[in-house]
Amino acid sequence: QVRLVESGGGLVQAGGSLRLSCAAPRMIYSVFSLKTINWYRQAPGKERELVARIDPDGTTNYADSVKGRFIISRENSSKKAYLRMNDLKPEDTAVYYCNVVPDWGQGAQVTVSS
């Protein structure tokens, strides 16, 4: 059963913006609201890396490479999470994954052209 569904990837020029969404339609609200939500990414030939995290109390953490450009948020009432990506750079090109332990989304391709 698919428990996390991602959307919002695509092709964008450098300097542009995208918003990724992660929905957890099969997850019970009370479980979702108490979970930390992570966004990871994996570029070709590289290991998967943690990009951003948001705790149940709303505390956020970002990788240094995206700090000041990406914003993670959550909407517990709809069991969704978002990753707003601004000022995108070619090095942001990767497949982005939503993670709510132990579940993973299917991945969303983000391609940034120079």
Protein backbone atom coordinates (compact mmCIF):
# COMPACT_ATOMS: atom_id res chain seq x y z
CA GLN A 1 0.00 0.00 0.00
CA VAL A 2 1.26 3.43 -0.94
CA ARG A 3 1.27 5.55 2.18
CA LEU A 4 3.04 8.67 0.90
CA VAL A 5 2.24 10.32 -2.43
CA GLU A 6 4.45 13.05 -3.85
CA SER A 7 3.72 15.62 -6.51
CA GLY A 8 5.09 18.87 -7.88
CA GLY A 9 8.39 17.98 -9.49
CA GLY A 10 9.40 19.19 -12.91
CA LEU A 11 11.81 21.12 -15.06
CA VAL A 12 12.69 24.70 -14.15
CA GLN A 13 15.35 27.20 -15.09
CA ALA A 14 18.00 28.26 -12.64
CA GLY A 15 16.62 30.89 -10.31
CA GLY A 16 13.11 29.52 -10.56
CA SER A 17 10.89 27.94 -7.93
CA LEU A 18 8.98 24.73 -7.39
CA ARG A 19 6.82 23.37 -4.61
CA LEU A 20 6.78 19.68 -3.78
CA SER A 21 3.84 18.15 -1.95
CA CYS A 22 3.67 14.99 0.11
CA ALA A 23 0.30 13.53 1.02
CA ALA A 24 -0.35 10.73 3.51
CA PRO A 25 -3.94 9.76 2.72
CA ARG A 26 -3.78 6.39 4.44
CA MET A 27 -2.12 7.62 7.59
CA ILE A 28 -4.24 8.31 10.62
CA TYR A 29 -4.25 12.01 11.56
CA SER A 30 -3.13 11.36 15.12
CA VAL A 31 -0.12 9.42 13.82
CA PHE A 32 0.80 11.95 11.13
CA SER A 33 0.67 14.90 13.51
CA LEU A 34 3.19 13.26 15.85
CA LYS A 35 5.71 12.32 13.17
CA THR A 36 8.80 14.12 11.99
CA ILE A 37 8.65 14.71 8.23
CA ASN A 38 11.82 14.58 6.17
CA TRP A 39 12.64 15.53 2.61
CA TYR A 40 15.62 13.76 1.08
CA ARG A 41 17.13 14.00 -2.37
CA GLN A 42 19.34 11.81 -4.46
CA ALA A 43 21.31 13.06 -7.44
CA PRO A 44 22.71 10.68 -10.06
CA GLY A 45 25.78 8.90 -8.76
CA LYS A 46 25.40 10.37 -5.28
CA GLU A 47 24.09 9.15 -1.97
CA ARG A 48 20.68 10.14 -0.69
CA GLU A 49 20.96 13.23 1.51
CA LEU A 50 18.66 14.88 3.99
CA VAL A 51 17.48 18.24 2.70
CA ALA A 52 14.99 19.42 5.31
CA ARG A 53 13.13 18.22 8.35
CA ILE A 54 10.14 19.45 10.32
CA ASP A 55 9.31 18.11 13.76
CA PRO A 56 5.80 17.71 15.20
CA ASP A 57 6.18 21.03 17.04
CA GLY A 58 7.12 22.82 13.84
CA THR A 59 10.85 23.03 14.44
CA THR A 60 12.71 22.96 11.14
CA ASN A 61 16.23 22.05 10.08
CA TYR A 62 17.89 22.41 6.69
CA ALA A 63 20.99 21.21 4.96
CA ASP A 64 23.50 24.03 4.59
CA SER A 65 23.23 23.78 0.81
CA VAL A 66 19.56 24.78 0.81
CA LYS A 67 19.35 27.02 3.87
CA GLY A 68 17.69 30.33 3.02
CA ARG A 69 16.27 28.98 -0.25
CA PHE A 70 14.04 26.04 0.73
CA ILE A 71 11.12 26.09 3.15
CA ILE A 72 9.56 22.98 4.65
CA SER A 73 6.05 23.12 6.07
CA ARG A 74 3.29 20.83 7.19
CA GLU A 75 -0.47 20.88 7.31
CA ASN A 76 -1.59 18.28 9.82
CA SER A 77 -5.30 18.79 9.20
CA SER A 78 -4.88 17.58 5.62
CA LYS A 79 -2.01 15.22 6.38
CA LYS A 80 0.27 16.96 3.93
CA ALA A 81 3.78 18.33 3.89
CA TYR A 82 5.44 20.71 1.46
CA LEU A 83 8.88 21.72 0.31
CA ARG A 84 9.02 25.15 -1.28
CA MET A 85 12.21 25.49 -3.30
CA ASN A 86 13.30 28.98 -4.35
CA ASP A 87 16.29 30.25 -6.28
CA LEU A 88 16.90 26.79 -7.67
CA LYS A 89 20.34 25.88 -8.93
CA PRO A 90 21.50 23.17 -11.34
CA GLU A 91 23.08 21.35 -8.39
CA ASP A 92 19.59 20.97 -6.89
CA THR A 93 18.76 18.54 -9.70
CA ALA A 94 17.79 15.25 -8.06
CA VAL A 95 14.95 12.93 -7.21
CA TYR A 96 13.29 14.24 -4.07
CA TYR A 97 11.73 11.87 -1.54
CA CYS A 98 9.31 12.50 1.27
CA ASN A 99 9.92 10.36 4.35
CA VAL A 100 7.72 9.79 7.36
CA VAL A 101 9.42 6.95 9.16
CA PRO A 102 9.15 4.17 8.13
CA ASP A 103 7.41 5.19 4.90
CA TRP A 104 8.81 6.76 1.73
CA GLY A 105 7.22 8.54 -1.17
CA GLN A 106 7.76 7.37 -4.72
CA GLY A 107 10.10 10.24 -5.53
CA ALA A 108 9.68 13.42 -7.58
CA GLN A 109 12.17 14.41 -10.25
CA VAL A 110 13.40 17.98 -10.06
CA THR A 111 15.57 19.17 -12.93
CA VAL A 112 17.12 22.63 -12.93
CA SER A 113 18.58 23.87 -16.20
CA SER A 114 21.34 26.44 -16.34
